[in-house]
Amino acid sequence: MQLPISFEAWRTAGRDVEDLESDDEVVAFYTIAEPDASGRIYPGGLVIERSDTGWYLCVGNQEYETGDLQSLEAILYTFAANQELLAPVSAEPSQPTAQPEKYD
């Protein structure tokens, strides 16, 4: 079974970027609000920009600006999950299962 990446794993995989416009991972449909904006990129090429007050996020027709990065990450993660933008991870056990014994 395939499940989306967990919130904690997704946010931990985010990385700081000095110039979002020049990063190849930013999704094509995303428009950077400020030229030379820095911020964070998350799996799927999703972006939260740095702003004068902390962080800025635009999702659909909603804009958010706050110093609380984790609250914006939760909003972006929920959006990405609802839009099926999160890469699935296997729910299969990571350890090999024991093989049944053979009887002759």
C-alpha atoms as a PDB file:
ATOM      1  CA  MET A   1       0.000   0.000   0.000  1.00  0.00           C
ATOM      2  CA  GLN A   2       1.224   3.525  -0.810  1.00  0.00           C
ATOM      3  CA  LEU A   3       0.760   6.430   1.613  1.00  0.00           C
ATOM      4  CA  PRO A   4       1.816  10.070   1.255  1.00  0.00           C
ATOM      5  CA  ILE A   5       4.986  11.112   3.017  1.00  0.00           C
ATOM      6  CA  SER A   6       4.314  12.057   6.652  1.00  0.00           C
ATOM      7  CA  PHE A   7       4.143  15.714   7.637  1.00  0.00           C
ATOM      8  CA  GLU A   8       7.244  15.429   9.806  1.00  0.00           C
ATOM      9  CA  ALA A   9       9.281  13.705   7.079  1.00  0.00           C
ATOM     10  CA  TRP A  10       8.074  16.231   4.485  1.00  0.00           C
ATOM     11  CA  ARG A  11       8.926  19.304   6.574  1.00  0.00           C
ATOM     12  CA  THR A  12      12.307  17.840   7.586  1.00  0.00           C
ATOM     13  CA  ALA A  13      13.130  17.354   3.898  1.00  0.00           C
ATOM     14  CA  GLY A  14      12.589  21.091   3.250  1.00  0.00           C
ATOM     15  CA  ARG A  15      15.705  23.112   2.519  1.00  0.00           C
ATOM     16  CA  ASP A  16      16.734  26.764   2.685  1.00  0.00           C
ATOM     17  CA  VAL A  17      17.296  28.501  -0.644  1.00  0.00           C
ATOM     18  CA  GLU A  18      18.852  31.939  -1.151  1.00  0.00           C
ATOM     19  CA  ASP A  19      17.249  32.665  -4.562  1.00  0.00           C
ATOM     20  CA  LEU A  20      13.982  30.841  -5.211  1.00  0.00           C
ATOM     21  CA  GLU A  21      13.672  32.061  -8.810  1.00  0.00           C
ATOM     22  CA  SER A  22      16.919  30.425  -9.832  1.00  0.00           C
ATOM     23  CA  ASP A  23      16.218  27.058  -8.202  1.00  0.00           C
ATOM     24  CA  ASP A  24      15.200  24.354 -10.671  1.00  0.00           C
ATOM     25  CA  GLU A  25      13.063  22.504  -8.138  1.00  0.00           C
ATOM     26  CA  VAL A  26      10.437  25.275  -7.698  1.00  0.00           C
ATOM     27  CA  VAL A  27       7.230  24.148  -9.390  1.00  0.00           C
ATOM     28  CA  ALA A  28       6.469  25.877 -12.658  1.00  0.00           C
ATOM     29  CA  PHE A  29       3.039  27.150 -11.600  1.00  0.00           C
ATOM     30  CA  TYR A  30       4.405  29.009  -8.580  1.00  0.00           C
ATOM     31  CA  THR A  31       5.104  32.743  -8.978  1.00  0.00           C
ATOM     32  CA  ILE A  32       7.673  34.177  -6.572  1.00  0.00           C
ATOM     33  CA  ALA A  33       6.222  37.282  -4.870  1.00  0.00           C
ATOM     34  CA  GLU A  34       9.487  39.208  -4.535  1.00  0.00           C
ATOM     35  CA  PRO A  35      12.469  39.286  -6.915  1.00  0.00           C
ATOM     36  CA  ASP A  36      15.520  37.533  -5.429  1.00  0.00           C
ATOM     37  CA  ALA A  37      13.308  36.074  -2.690  1.00  0.00           C
ATOM     38  CA  SER A  38      14.783  33.494  -0.368  1.00  0.00           C
ATOM     39  CA  GLY A  39      12.822  30.836   1.447  1.00  0.00           C
ATOM     40  CA  ARG A  40      12.342  27.115   1.798  1.00  0.00           C
ATOM     41  CA  ILE A  41      11.619  24.455  -0.816  1.00  0.00           C
ATOM     42  CA  TYR A  42       9.812  21.262   0.135  1.00  0.00           C
ATOM     43  CA  PRO A  43       9.362  17.942  -1.689  1.00  0.00           C
ATOM     44  CA  GLY A  44       7.293  18.484  -4.788  1.00  0.00           C
ATOM     45  CA  GLY A  45       8.926  21.871  -5.430  1.00  0.00           C
ATOM     46  CA  LEU A  46       6.558  23.658  -3.051  1.00  0.00           C
ATOM     47  CA  VAL A  47       7.720  26.963  -1.590  1.00  0.00           C
ATOM     48  CA  ILE A  48       7.405  29.157   1.480  1.00  0.00           C
ATOM     49  CA  GLU A  49       9.083  32.553   1.020  1.00  0.00           C
ATOM     50  CA  ARG A  50      10.928  34.604   3.616  1.00  0.00           C
ATOM     51  CA  SER A  51       9.336  37.978   4.320  1.00  0.00           C
ATOM     52  CA  ASP A  52       9.975  41.022   6.476  1.00  0.00           C
ATOM     53  CA  THR A  53       7.747  39.537   9.176  1.00  0.00           C
ATOM     54  CA  GLY A  54       9.079  36.001   8.907  1.00  0.00           C
ATOM     55  CA  TRP A  55       7.410  33.835   6.256  1.00  0.00           C
ATOM     56  CA  TYR A  56       4.933  34.255   3.372  1.00  0.00           C
ATOM     57  CA  LEU A  57       2.772  31.589   1.723  1.00  0.00           C
ATOM     58  CA  CYS A  58       0.260  31.856  -1.102  1.00  0.00           C
ATOM     59  CA  VAL A  59      -2.002  28.843  -1.692  1.00  0.00           C
ATOM     60  CA  GLY A  60      -4.708  29.281  -4.291  1.00  0.00           C
ATOM     61  CA  ASN A  61      -6.318  32.639  -3.551  1.00  0.00           C
ATOM     62  CA  GLN A  62      -5.252  32.636   0.125  1.00  0.00           C
ATOM     63  CA  GLU A  63      -2.184  34.509   1.403  1.00  0.00           C
ATOM     64  CA  TYR A  64      -0.576  34.006   4.793  1.00  0.00           C
ATOM     65  CA  GLU A  65       2.241  35.949   6.450  1.00  0.00           C
ATOM     66  CA  THR A  66       3.551  35.038   9.896  1.00  0.00           C
ATOM     67  CA  GLY A  67       6.656  34.357  11.930  1.00  0.00           C
ATOM     68  CA  ASP A  68       5.385  30.817  12.634  1.00  0.00           C
ATOM     69  CA  LEU A  69       6.959  28.659   9.927  1.00  0.00           C
ATOM     70  CA  GLN A  70       5.448  25.400  11.176  1.00  0.00           C
ATOM     71  CA  SER A  71       1.877  26.710  10.850  1.00  0.00           C
ATOM     72  CA  LEU A  72       2.555  27.627   7.205  1.00  0.00           C
ATOM     73  CA  GLU A  73       4.185  24.249   6.617  1.00  0.00           C
ATOM     74  CA  ALA A  74       1.008  22.577   7.909  1.00  0.00           C
ATOM     75  CA  ILE A  75      -1.145  24.637   5.515  1.00  0.00           C
ATOM     76  CA  LEU A  76       1.130  23.851   2.556  1.00  0.00           C
ATOM     77  CA  TYR A  77       1.342  20.141   3.447  1.00  0.00           C
ATOM     78  CA  THR A  78      -2.468  19.880   3.677  1.00  0.00           C
ATOM     79  CA  PHE A  79      -2.833  21.619   0.314  1.00  0.00           C
ATOM     80  CA  ALA A  80      -0.236  19.321  -1.274  1.00  0.00           C
ATOM     81  CA  ALA A  81      -1.904  16.202   0.161  1.00  0.00           C
ATOM     82  CA  ASN A  82      -5.345  17.312  -1.069  1.00  0.00           C
ATOM     83  CA  GLN A  83      -3.944  18.000  -4.545  1.00  0.00           C
ATOM     84  CA  GLU A  84      -2.057  14.666  -4.541  1.00  0.00           C
ATOM     85  CA  LEU A  85       1.277  16.470  -4.931  1.00  0.00           C
ATOM     86  CA  LEU A  86       3.048  14.418  -2.275  1.00  0.00           C
ATOM     87  CA  ALA A  87       5.217  11.522  -3.385  1.00  0.00           C
ATOM     88  CA  PRO A  88       3.900   8.277  -1.950  1.00  0.00           C
ATOM     89  CA  VAL A  89       5.987   6.123   0.323  1.00  0.00           C
ATOM     90  CA  SER A  90       5.532   2.417   0.746  1.00  0.00           C
ATOM     91  CA  ALA A  91       3.615   1.176   3.758  1.00  0.00           C
ATOM     92  CA  GLU A  92       5.200  -2.222   3.328  1.00  0.00           C
ATOM     93  CA  PRO A  93       7.476  -3.308   6.175  1.00  0.00           C
ATOM     94  CA  SER A  94      11.035  -2.118   5.741  1.00  0.00           C
ATOM     95  CA  GLN A  95      12.364  -5.345   7.275  1.00  0.00           C
ATOM     96  CA  PRO A  96      12.160  -8.495   5.170  1.00  0.00           C
ATOM     97  CA  THR A  97       9.530 -10.853   6.481  1.00  0.00           C
ATOM     98  CA  ALA A  98      10.464 -14.370   7.473  1.00  0.00           C
ATOM     99  CA  GLN A  99       9.958 -16.962   4.777  1.00  0.00           C
ATOM    100  CA  PRO A 100       7.676 -19.864   5.653  1.00  0.00           C
ATOM    101  CA  GLU A 101       9.464 -23.114   6.410  1.00  0.00           C
ATOM    102  CA  LYS A 102       9.456 -25.724   3.686  1.00  0.00           C
ATOM    103  CA  TYR A 103       8.391 -29.225   4.604  1.00  0.00           C
ATOM    104  CA  ASP A 104       9.465 -32.162   2.473  1.00  0.00           C
END
